[in-house]
C-alpha atoms as a PDB file:
ATOM      1  CA  UNK A   1       0.000   0.000   0.000  1.00  0.00           C
ATOM      2  CA  UNK A   2       1.169   3.511  -0.827  1.00  0.00           C
ATOM      3  CA  UNK A   3       0.611   6.553   1.349  1.00  0.00           C
ATOM      4  CA  UNK A   4       0.534  10.004  -0.245  1.00  0.00           C
ATOM      5  CA  UNK A   5       0.736  13.140   1.902  1.00  0.00           C
ATOM      6  CA  UNK A   6      -0.517  15.968  -0.303  1.00  0.00           C
ATOM      7  CA  UNK A   7       0.245  19.514   0.878  1.00  0.00           C
ATOM      8  CA  UNK A   8      -2.051  22.192  -0.571  1.00  0.00           C
ATOM      9  CA  UNK A   9      -1.691  25.950  -0.238  1.00  0.00           C
ATOM     10  CA  UNK A  10      -4.980  26.676   1.524  1.00  0.00           C
ATOM     11  CA  UNK A  11      -5.516  26.748   5.270  1.00  0.00           C
ATOM     12  CA  UNK A  12      -8.020  29.525   5.920  1.00  0.00           C
ATOM     13  CA  UNK A  13     -11.118  28.735   3.891  1.00  0.00           C
ATOM     14  CA  UNK A  14     -12.406  25.573   5.571  1.00  0.00           C
ATOM     15  CA  UNK A  15     -15.084  25.124   2.935  1.00  0.00           C
ATOM     16  CA  UNK A  16     -12.495  25.011   0.164  1.00  0.00           C
ATOM     17  CA  UNK A  17     -10.331  22.598   2.127  1.00  0.00           C
ATOM     18  CA  UNK A  18     -13.360  20.345   2.671  1.00  0.00           C
ATOM     19  CA  UNK A  19     -14.220  20.356  -1.037  1.00  0.00           C
ATOM     20  CA  UNK A  20     -10.649  19.503  -1.981  1.00  0.00           C
ATOM     21  CA  UNK A  21     -10.433  16.753   0.642  1.00  0.00           C
ATOM     22  CA  UNK A  22     -13.778  15.252  -0.375  1.00  0.00           C
ATOM     23  CA  UNK A  23     -12.351  14.494  -3.817  1.00  0.00           C
ATOM     24  CA  UNK A  24     -10.339  11.676  -2.161  1.00  0.00           C
ATOM     25  CA  UNK A  25     -13.463   9.836  -0.979  1.00  0.00           C
ATOM     26  CA  UNK A  26     -12.761   6.897   1.331  1.00  0.00           C
ATOM     27  CA  UNK A  27      -9.037   7.107   0.566  1.00  0.00           C
ATOM     28  CA  UNK A  28      -8.693  10.150   2.834  1.00  0.00           C
ATOM     29  CA  UNK A  29      -7.186   9.298   6.241  1.00  0.00           C
ATOM     30  CA  UNK A  30      -6.521  12.736   7.749  1.00  0.00           C
ATOM     31  CA  UNK A  31      -6.651  16.494   7.139  1.00  0.00           C
ATOM     32  CA  UNK A  32      -4.441  18.892   9.104  1.00  0.00           C
ATOM     33  CA  UNK A  33      -5.333  22.558   8.543  1.00  0.00           C
ATOM     34  CA  UNK A  34      -3.068  25.464   9.539  1.00  0.00           C
ATOM     35  CA  UNK A  35      -4.351  29.004   8.981  1.00  0.00           C
ATOM     36  CA  UNK A  36      -1.035  30.712   9.765  1.00  0.00           C
ATOM     37  CA  UNK A  37       0.931  28.482   7.413  1.00  0.00           C
ATOM     38  CA  UNK A  38      -2.053  28.853   5.025  1.00  0.00           C
ATOM     39  CA  UNK A  39      -1.574  25.185   4.276  1.00  0.00           C
ATOM     40  CA  UNK A  40      -3.392  21.885   4.653  1.00  0.00           C
ATOM     41  CA  UNK A  41      -1.848  18.430   4.777  1.00  0.00           C
ATOM     42  CA  UNK A  42      -4.010  15.604   3.431  1.00  0.00           C
ATOM     43  CA  UNK A  43      -2.988  12.032   4.194  1.00  0.00           C
ATOM     44  CA  UNK A  44      -4.252   9.696   1.475  1.00  0.00           C
ATOM     45  CA  UNK A  45      -3.749   6.110   0.368  1.00  0.00           C
ATOM     46  CA  UNK A  46      -3.415   4.831  -3.178  1.00  0.00           C
ATOM     47  CA  UNK A  47      -2.655   6.549  -6.473  1.00  0.00           C
ATOM     48  CA  UNK A  48      -6.049   7.745  -7.697  1.00  0.00           C
ATOM     49  CA  UNK A  49      -6.936   9.912  -4.674  1.00  0.00           C
ATOM     50  CA  UNK A  50      -3.866  12.184  -5.050  1.00  0.00           C
ATOM     51  CA  UNK A  51      -4.859  12.872  -8.662  1.00  0.00           C
ATOM     52  CA  UNK A  52      -8.440  13.700  -7.710  1.00  0.00           C
ATOM     53  CA  UNK A  53      -7.273  15.990  -4.896  1.00  0.00           C
ATOM     54  CA  UNK A  54      -4.708  17.709  -7.120  1.00  0.00           C
ATOM     55  CA  UNK A  55      -7.242  18.340  -9.872  1.00  0.00           C
ATOM     56  CA  UNK A  56      -9.717  19.830  -7.389  1.00  0.00           C
ATOM     57  CA  UNK A  57      -7.036  22.018  -5.769  1.00  0.00           C
ATOM     58  CA  UNK A  58      -5.892  23.380  -9.137  1.00  0.00           C
ATOM     59  CA  UNK A  59      -9.530  24.178  -9.981  1.00  0.00           C
ATOM     60  CA  UNK A  60     -10.228  25.842  -6.603  1.00  0.00           C
ATOM     61  CA  UNK A  61      -7.044  27.722  -5.688  1.00  0.00           C
ATOM     62  CA  UNK A  62      -4.993  30.619  -7.032  1.00  0.00           C
ATOM     63  CA  UNK A  63      -1.390  31.017  -5.894  1.00  0.00           C
ATOM     64  CA  UNK A  64      -1.482  34.718  -6.743  1.00  0.00           C
ATOM     65  CA  UNK A  65      -3.785  35.258  -3.743  1.00  0.00           C
ATOM     66  CA  UNK A  66      -1.675  33.210  -1.345  1.00  0.00           C
ATOM     67  CA  UNK A  67       0.452  34.450   1.562  1.00  0.00           C
ATOM     68  CA  UNK A  68       1.507  32.221   4.455  1.00  0.00           C
ATOM     69  CA  UNK A  69       4.377  31.353   6.766  1.00  0.00           C
ATOM     70  CA  UNK A  70       5.336  28.129   4.971  1.00  0.00           C
ATOM     71  CA  UNK A  71       7.425  28.155   1.781  1.00  0.00           C
ATOM     72  CA  UNK A  72       5.581  26.879  -1.325  1.00  0.00           C
ATOM     73  CA  UNK A  73       5.972  26.636  -5.094  1.00  0.00           C
ATOM     74  CA  UNK A  74       2.365  25.826  -5.990  1.00  0.00           C
ATOM     75  CA  UNK A  75      -1.220  25.379  -4.884  1.00  0.00           C
ATOM     76  CA  UNK A  76      -0.512  21.640  -4.852  1.00  0.00           C
ATOM     77  CA  UNK A  77       2.870  22.189  -3.281  1.00  0.00           C
ATOM     78  CA  UNK A  78       4.144  18.729  -2.379  1.00  0.00           C
ATOM     79  CA  UNK A  79       2.961  15.260  -3.417  1.00  0.00           C
ATOM     80  CA  UNK A  80       5.195  12.583  -1.825  1.00  0.00           C
ATOM     81  CA  UNK A  81       4.528   8.858  -2.261  1.00  0.00           C
ATOM     82  CA  UNK A  82       5.566   6.636   0.656  1.00  0.00           C
ATOM     83  CA  UNK A  83       5.799   2.847   0.665  1.00  0.00           C
ATOM     84  CA  UNK A  84       3.911   1.269   3.553  1.00  0.00           C
ATOM     85  CA  UNK A  85       3.715  -2.415   4.470  1.00  0.00           C
ATOM     86  CA  UNK A  86       3.104  -4.518   1.373  1.00  0.00           C
ATOM     87  CA  UNK A  87       4.797  -2.109  -1.048  1.00  0.00           C
ATOM     88  CA  UNK A  88       8.346  -0.953  -1.691  1.00  0.00           C
ATOM     89  CA  UNK A  89      10.366   2.068  -2.764  1.00  0.00           C
ATOM     90  CA  UNK A  90      10.307   1.050  -6.430  1.00  0.00           C
ATOM     91  CA  UNK A  91       6.496   1.087  -6.432  1.00  0.00           C
ATOM     92  CA  UNK A  92       6.479   4.491  -4.741  1.00  0.00           C
ATOM     93  CA  UNK A  93       8.944   5.827  -7.321  1.00  0.00           C
ATOM     94  CA  UNK A  94       6.806   4.477 -10.182  1.00  0.00           C
ATOM     95  CA  UNK A  95       3.722   6.155  -8.666  1.00  0.00           C
ATOM     96  CA  UNK A  96       5.680   9.404  -8.399  1.00  0.00           C
ATOM     97  CA  UNK A  97       6.780   9.288 -12.028  1.00  0.00           C
ATOM     98  CA  UNK A  98       3.291   8.466 -13.284  1.00  0.00           C
ATOM     99  CA  UNK A  99       1.755  11.296 -11.239  1.00  0.00           C
ATOM    100  CA  UNK A 100       4.419  13.646 -12.624  1.00  0.00           C
ATOM    101  CA  UNK A 101       3.532  12.774 -16.219  1.00  0.00           C
ATOM    102  CA  UNK A 102      -0.211  12.947 -15.518  1.00  0.00           C
ATOM    103  CA  UNK A 103      -0.089  16.356 -13.810  1.00  0.00           C
ATOM    104  CA  UNK A 104       2.126  17.779 -16.528  1.00  0.00           C
ATOM    105  CA  UNK A 105      -0.139  16.562 -19.316  1.00  0.00           C
ATOM    106  CA  UNK A 106      -3.650  16.735 -17.834  1.00  0.00           C
ATOM    107  CA  UNK A 107      -3.342  19.698 -15.446  1.00  0.00           C
ATOM    108  CA  UNK A 108      -0.636  21.513 -17.459  1.00  0.00           C
ATOM    109  CA  UNK A 109       1.206  22.119 -14.188  1.00  0.00           C
ATOM    110  CA  UNK A 110       5.006  21.748 -14.270  1.00  0.00           C
ATOM    111  CA  UNK A 111       6.379  19.142 -11.867  1.00  0.00           C
ATOM    112  CA  UNK A 112       9.764  18.684 -10.229  1.00  0.00           C
ATOM    113  CA  UNK A 113      10.710  15.215  -9.000  1.00  0.00           C
ATOM    114  CA  UNK A 114      12.494  14.652  -5.708  1.00  0.00           C
ATOM    115  CA  UNK A 115      13.682  11.521  -3.952  1.00  0.00           C
ATOM    116  CA  UNK A 116      16.855   9.577  -4.674  1.00  0.00           C
ATOM    117  CA  UNK A 117      17.928  12.123  -7.305  1.00  0.00           C
ATOM    118  CA  UNK A 118      17.629  15.271  -5.173  1.00  0.00           C
ATOM    119  CA  UNK A 119      15.941  16.515  -2.025  1.00  0.00           C
ATOM    120  CA  UNK A 120      12.826  18.623  -1.578  1.00  0.00           C
ATOM    121  CA  UNK A 121      14.960  21.584  -0.363  1.00  0.00           C
ATOM    122  CA  UNK A 122      16.963  21.250  -3.599  1.00  0.00           C
ATOM    123  CA  UNK A 123      13.720  21.644  -5.553  1.00  0.00           C
ATOM    124  CA  UNK A 124      12.610  24.652  -3.493  1.00  0.00           C
ATOM    125  CA  UNK A 125      15.957  26.375  -4.048  1.00  0.00           C
ATOM    126  CA  UNK A 126      16.320  25.555  -7.729  1.00  0.00           C
ATOM    127  CA  UNK A 127      12.846  25.442  -9.284  1.00  0.00           C
ATOM    128  CA  UNK A 128      12.797  27.485 -12.522  1.00  0.00           C
ATOM    129  CA  UNK A 129      16.255  28.826 -11.715  1.00  0.00           C
ATOM    130  CA  UNK A 130      18.850  26.066 -11.764  1.00  0.00           C
ATOM    131  CA  UNK A 131      16.273  23.288 -12.292  1.00  0.00           C
ATOM    132  CA  UNK A 132      13.913  22.817 -15.228  1.00  0.00           C
ATOM    133  CA  UNK A 133      10.648  20.915 -14.683  1.00  0.00           C
ATOM    134  CA  UNK A 134      10.799  17.159 -15.185  1.00  0.00           C
ATOM    135  CA  UNK A 135       7.248  17.082 -16.557  1.00  0.00           C
ATOM    136  CA  UNK A 136       4.809  19.593 -17.960  1.00  0.00           C
ATOM    137  CA  UNK A 137       5.347  23.128 -19.279  1.00  0.00           C
ATOM    138  CA  UNK A 138       8.696  24.891 -18.827  1.00  0.00           C
ATOM    139  CA  UNK A 139       7.234  27.821 -16.880  1.00  0.00           C
ATOM    140  CA  UNK A 140       4.882  28.092 -13.878  1.00  0.00           C
ATOM    141  CA  UNK A 141       1.149  27.574 -14.318  1.00  0.00           C
ATOM    142  CA  UNK A 142      -0.440  31.058 -14.066  1.00  0.00           C
ATOM    143  CA  UNK A 143      -2.590  30.181 -11.034  1.00  0.00           C
ATOM    144  CA  UNK A 144      -1.267  26.816  -9.815  1.00  0.00           C
ATOM    145  CA  UNK A 145       2.505  27.394  -9.910  1.00  0.00           C
ATOM    146  CA  UNK A 146       4.311  24.045  -9.819  1.00  0.00           C
ATOM    147  CA  UNK A 147       4.284  20.741  -7.956  1.00  0.00           C
ATOM    148  CA  UNK A 148       7.130  18.994  -6.131  1.00  0.00           C
ATOM    149  CA  UNK A 149       6.281  15.302  -6.530  1.00  0.00           C
ATOM    150  CA  UNK A 150       8.417  12.858  -4.611  1.00  0.00           C
ATOM    151  CA  UNK A 151       9.229   9.408  -3.372  1.00  0.00           C
ATOM    152  CA  UNK A 152      10.469   9.244   0.196  1.00  0.00           C
ATOM    153  CA  UNK A 153      10.582   7.045   3.288  1.00  0.00           C
ATOM    154  CA  UNK A 154       8.330   7.690   6.271  1.00  0.00           C
ATOM    155  CA  UNK A 155       8.942  11.050   7.920  1.00  0.00           C
ATOM    156  CA  UNK A 156       7.283  12.930  10.766  1.00  0.00           C
ATOM    157  CA  UNK A 157       6.226  16.552  10.250  1.00  0.00           C
ATOM    158  CA  UNK A 158       6.545  18.140  13.670  1.00  0.00           C
ATOM    159  CA  UNK A 159       6.447  21.669  15.083  1.00  0.00           C
ATOM    160  CA  UNK A 160       7.777  22.860  18.416  1.00  0.00           C
ATOM    161  CA  UNK A 161       6.320  26.181  19.574  1.00  0.00           C
ATOM    162  CA  UNK A 162       8.489  28.447  21.716  1.00  0.00           C
ATOM    163  CA  UNK A 163       7.138  30.059  24.884  1.00  0.00           C
ATOM    164  CA  UNK A 164       8.597  33.427  23.858  1.00  0.00           C
ATOM    165  CA  UNK A 165       8.029  34.820  20.331  1.00  0.00           C
ATOM    166  CA  UNK A 166      11.707  35.242  19.481  1.00  0.00           C
ATOM    167  CA  UNK A 167      12.063  34.564  15.748  1.00  0.00           C
ATOM    168  CA  UNK A 168      15.816  35.093  15.680  1.00  0.00           C
ATOM    169  CA  UNK A 169      16.191  32.471  18.408  1.00  0.00           C
ATOM    170  CA  UNK A 170      13.912  30.044  16.569  1.00  0.00           C
ATOM    171  CA  UNK A 171      16.028  30.439  13.440  1.00  0.00           C
ATOM    172  CA  UNK A 172      19.244  29.839  15.393  1.00  0.00           C
ATOM    173  CA  UNK A 173      17.759  26.724  16.967  1.00  0.00           C
ATOM    174  CA  UNK A 174      16.695  25.448  13.553  1.00  0.00           C
ATOM    175  CA  UNK A 175      20.252  25.798  12.284  1.00  0.00           C
ATOM    176  CA  UNK A 176      21.560  23.935  15.352  1.00  0.00           C
ATOM    177  CA  UNK A 177      19.097  21.080  14.876  1.00  0.00           C
ATOM    178  CA  UNK A 178      19.680  20.418  11.180  1.00  0.00           C
ATOM    179  CA  UNK A 179      21.257  17.025  10.596  1.00  0.00           C
ATOM    180  CA  UNK A 180      20.929  13.966   8.356  1.00  0.00           C
ATOM    181  CA  UNK A 181      17.798  13.068  10.358  1.00  0.00           C
ATOM    182  CA  UNK A 182      16.235  16.544  10.806  1.00  0.00           C
ATOM    183  CA  UNK A 183      15.292  19.405   8.520  1.00  0.00           C
ATOM    184  CA  UNK A 184      14.270  22.531  10.399  1.00  0.00           C
ATOM    185  CA  UNK A 185      13.103  26.112   9.885  1.00  0.00           C
ATOM    186  CA  UNK A 186      12.392  28.892  12.358  1.00  0.00           C
ATOM    187  CA  UNK A 187       9.061  30.500  11.414  1.00  0.00           C
ATOM    188  CA  UNK A 188       6.915  33.390  12.563  1.00  0.00           C
ATOM    189  CA  UNK A 189       3.359  32.075  12.930  1.00  0.00           C
ATOM    190  CA  UNK A 190       0.977  34.875  13.816  1.00  0.00           C
ATOM    191  CA  UNK A 191       2.146  36.333  17.134  1.00  0.00           C
ATOM    192  CA  UNK A 192       4.110  33.185  17.948  1.00  0.00           C
ATOM    193  CA  UNK A 193       7.180  31.405  16.619  1.00  0.00           C
ATOM    194  CA  UNK A 194       7.941  27.765  16.034  1.00  0.00           C
ATOM    195  CA  UNK A 195      10.724  25.464  14.981  1.00  0.00           C
ATOM    196  CA  UNK A 196       9.083  23.598  12.119  1.00  0.00           C
ATOM    197  CA  UNK A 197      10.720  20.245  11.411  1.00  0.00           C
ATOM    198  CA  UNK A 198      10.673  17.288   9.100  1.00  0.00           C
ATOM    199  CA  UNK A 199      12.021  14.345  11.083  1.00  0.00           C
ATOM    200  CA  UNK A 200      13.295  12.455   8.070  1.00  0.00           C
ATOM    201  CA  UNK A 201      14.652   9.547  10.101  1.00  0.00           C
ATOM    202  CA  UNK A 202      12.272   9.295  13.068  1.00  0.00           C
ATOM    203  CA  UNK A 203      13.972   6.112  14.274  1.00  0.00           C
ATOM    204  CA  UNK A 204      17.023   8.306  14.980  1.00  0.00           C
ATOM    205  CA  UNK A 205      15.305  11.564  15.956  1.00  0.00           C
ATOM    206  CA  UNK A 206      11.640  11.270  16.935  1.00  0.00           C
ATOM    207  CA  UNK A 207       9.266  13.876  18.378  1.00  0.00           C
ATOM    208  CA  UNK A 208      10.615  13.444  21.911  1.00  0.00           C
ATOM    209  CA  UNK A 209      14.250  13.908  20.954  1.00  0.00           C
ATOM    210  CA  UNK A 210      13.379  16.841  18.683  1.00  0.00           C
ATOM    211  CA  UNK A 211      11.436  18.565  21.459  1.00  0.00           C
ATOM    212  CA  UNK A 212      14.254  17.981  23.935  1.00  0.00           C
ATOM    213  CA  UNK A 213      16.761  19.428  21.474  1.00  0.00           C
ATOM    214  CA  UNK A 214      14.704  22.614  21.149  1.00  0.00           C
ATOM    215  CA  UNK A 215      14.182  22.756  24.937  1.00  0.00           C
ATOM    216  CA  UNK A 216      17.959  22.759  25.410  1.00  0.00           C
ATOM    217  CA  UNK A 217      17.966  26.247  23.856  1.00  0.00           C
ATOM    218  CA  UNK A 218      14.600  27.776  24.795  1.00  0.00           C
ATOM    219  CA  UNK A 219      11.466  27.237  26.841  1.00  0.00           C
ATOM    220  CA  UNK A 220       8.974  25.135  24.899  1.00  0.00           C
ATOM    221  CA  UNK A 221       5.242  25.965  24.885  1.00  0.00           C
ATOM    222  CA  UNK A 222       4.036  22.802  23.127  1.00  0.00           C
ATOM    223  CA  UNK A 223       4.663  20.238  20.434  1.00  0.00           C
ATOM    224  CA  UNK A 224       2.450  19.713  17.393  1.00  0.00           C
ATOM    225  CA  UNK A 225       2.194  16.661  15.177  1.00  0.00           C
ATOM    226  CA  UNK A 226       1.234  17.442  11.573  1.00  0.00           C
ATOM    227  CA  UNK A 227      -0.682  14.592   9.978  1.00  0.00           C
ATOM    228  CA  UNK A 228      -0.225  10.953  10.981  1.00  0.00           C
ATOM    229  CA  UNK A 229       2.624   8.660  12.029  1.00  0.00           C
ATOM    230  CA  UNK A 230       3.208   4.926  11.791  1.00  0.00           C
ATOM    231  CA  UNK A 231       2.457   3.105  15.052  1.00  0.00           C
ATOM    232  CA  UNK A 232       6.107   2.262  15.587  1.00  0.00           C
ATOM    233  CA  UNK A 233       6.907   5.961  16.072  1.00  0.00           C
ATOM    234  CA  UNK A 234       4.671   5.949  19.152  1.00  0.00           C
ATOM    235  CA  UNK A 235       6.353   2.803  20.432  1.00  0.00           C
ATOM    236  CA  UNK A 236       9.684   4.648  20.552  1.00  0.00           C
ATOM    237  CA  UNK A 237       8.287   7.259  22.966  1.00  0.00           C
ATOM    238  CA  UNK A 238       7.325   6.646  26.626  1.00  0.00           C
ATOM    239  CA  UNK A 239       3.540   6.520  26.923  1.00  0.00           C
ATOM    240  CA  UNK A 240       3.561   9.272  29.561  1.00  0.00           C
ATOM    241  CA  UNK A 241       5.046  11.662  26.986  1.00  0.00           C
ATOM    242  CA  UNK A 242       2.431  11.062  24.294  1.00  0.00           C
ATOM    243  CA  UNK A 243       0.105  13.834  25.493  1.00  0.00           C
ATOM    244  CA  UNK A 244       2.738  16.600  25.748  1.00  0.00           C
ATOM    245  CA  UNK A 245       4.174  15.504  22.397  1.00  0.00           C
ATOM    246  CA  UNK A 246       0.724  15.616  20.728  1.00  0.00           C
ATOM    247  CA  UNK A 247       0.841  11.878  20.031  1.00  0.00           C
ATOM    248  CA  UNK A 248      -2.062   9.452  20.304  1.00  0.00           C
ATOM    249  CA  UNK A 249      -3.040   5.999  19.068  1.00  0.00           C
ATOM    250  CA  UNK A 250      -5.722   7.615  16.901  1.00  0.00           C
ATOM    251  CA  UNK A 251      -3.054   9.705  15.146  1.00  0.00           C
ATOM    252  CA  UNK A 252      -1.459   6.603  13.608  1.00  0.00           C
ATOM    253  CA  UNK A 253      -1.778   5.478  10.001  1.00  0.00           C
ATOM    254  CA  UNK A 254      -2.828   2.019  11.190  1.00  0.00           C
ATOM    255  CA  UNK A 255      -5.718   3.344  13.297  1.00  0.00           C
ATOM    256  CA  UNK A 256      -7.045   5.475  10.452  1.00  0.00           C
ATOM    257  CA  UNK A 257      -6.766   2.572   8.008  1.00  0.00           C
ATOM    258  CA  UNK A 258      -8.804   0.393  10.362  1.00  0.00           C
ATOM    259  CA  UNK A 259     -11.412   3.127  10.616  1.00  0.00           C
ATOM    260  CA  UNK A 260     -11.510   3.547   6.831  1.00  0.00           C
ATOM    261  CA  UNK A 261     -11.953  -0.185   6.252  1.00  0.00           C
ATOM    262  CA  UNK A 262     -14.747  -0.362   8.799  1.00  0.00           C
ATOM    263  CA  UNK A 263     -16.887   2.245   7.016  1.00  0.00           C
ATOM    264  CA  UNK A 264     -20.013   0.753   5.484  1.00  0.00           C
ATOM    265  CA  UNK A 265     -20.028   0.472   1.714  1.00  0.00           C
ATOM    266  CA  UNK A 266     -22.557   2.916   0.184  1.00  0.00           C
END
């Protein structure tokens, strides 16, 4: 089975987010909406749901009207395929490449691949400058921009909010935390600041270790999980820390899959 965690550049109009998410049908496992980032993260399974969601987002959204804390290159900003149990990296890479061709041809949105060839930060830095699109037109779509479509292992998107709104400190902490297992940015989010992280090897650095690393430099207000995690990520953390770390059994991919499979067939 393949997971696909589609990031769309809309986090303020809940009605629009709901319409975009509904395009996935029963293949939708989770929606995380962030008004300050002006971004929503949709956790899906399979290959058809990401296409339906992307088509709806391109129809609904206009990047020219977008302003938010999180960096983005398009209204469908990131489409990563992740191999879960029963599938492998080659299948995820094939799904990525087929989505890339489809979006370029059907949506006329340029796509940049990431994965074994280059990282997502490489795409953000180089898109339309040092990198040409892998699929689709050579220049940005007038309203949809571009899509970064990837193949990656499991990662955990995780934010740690600081007690004091010191953006310069958050940025310094982010630099300190960056490693082969952590990507980090210090961001201003409304009146608050956060260290926003992708824990790209959560077996090495999970939510607890990431929070502790931030707490070594500043007082922490709270942790925030974005989207879902595999159950094994919870198993690496002491149960008594789940609450403060914003972790819960219901926030696992496995729990949402069980719920999805138990829904009655229309």
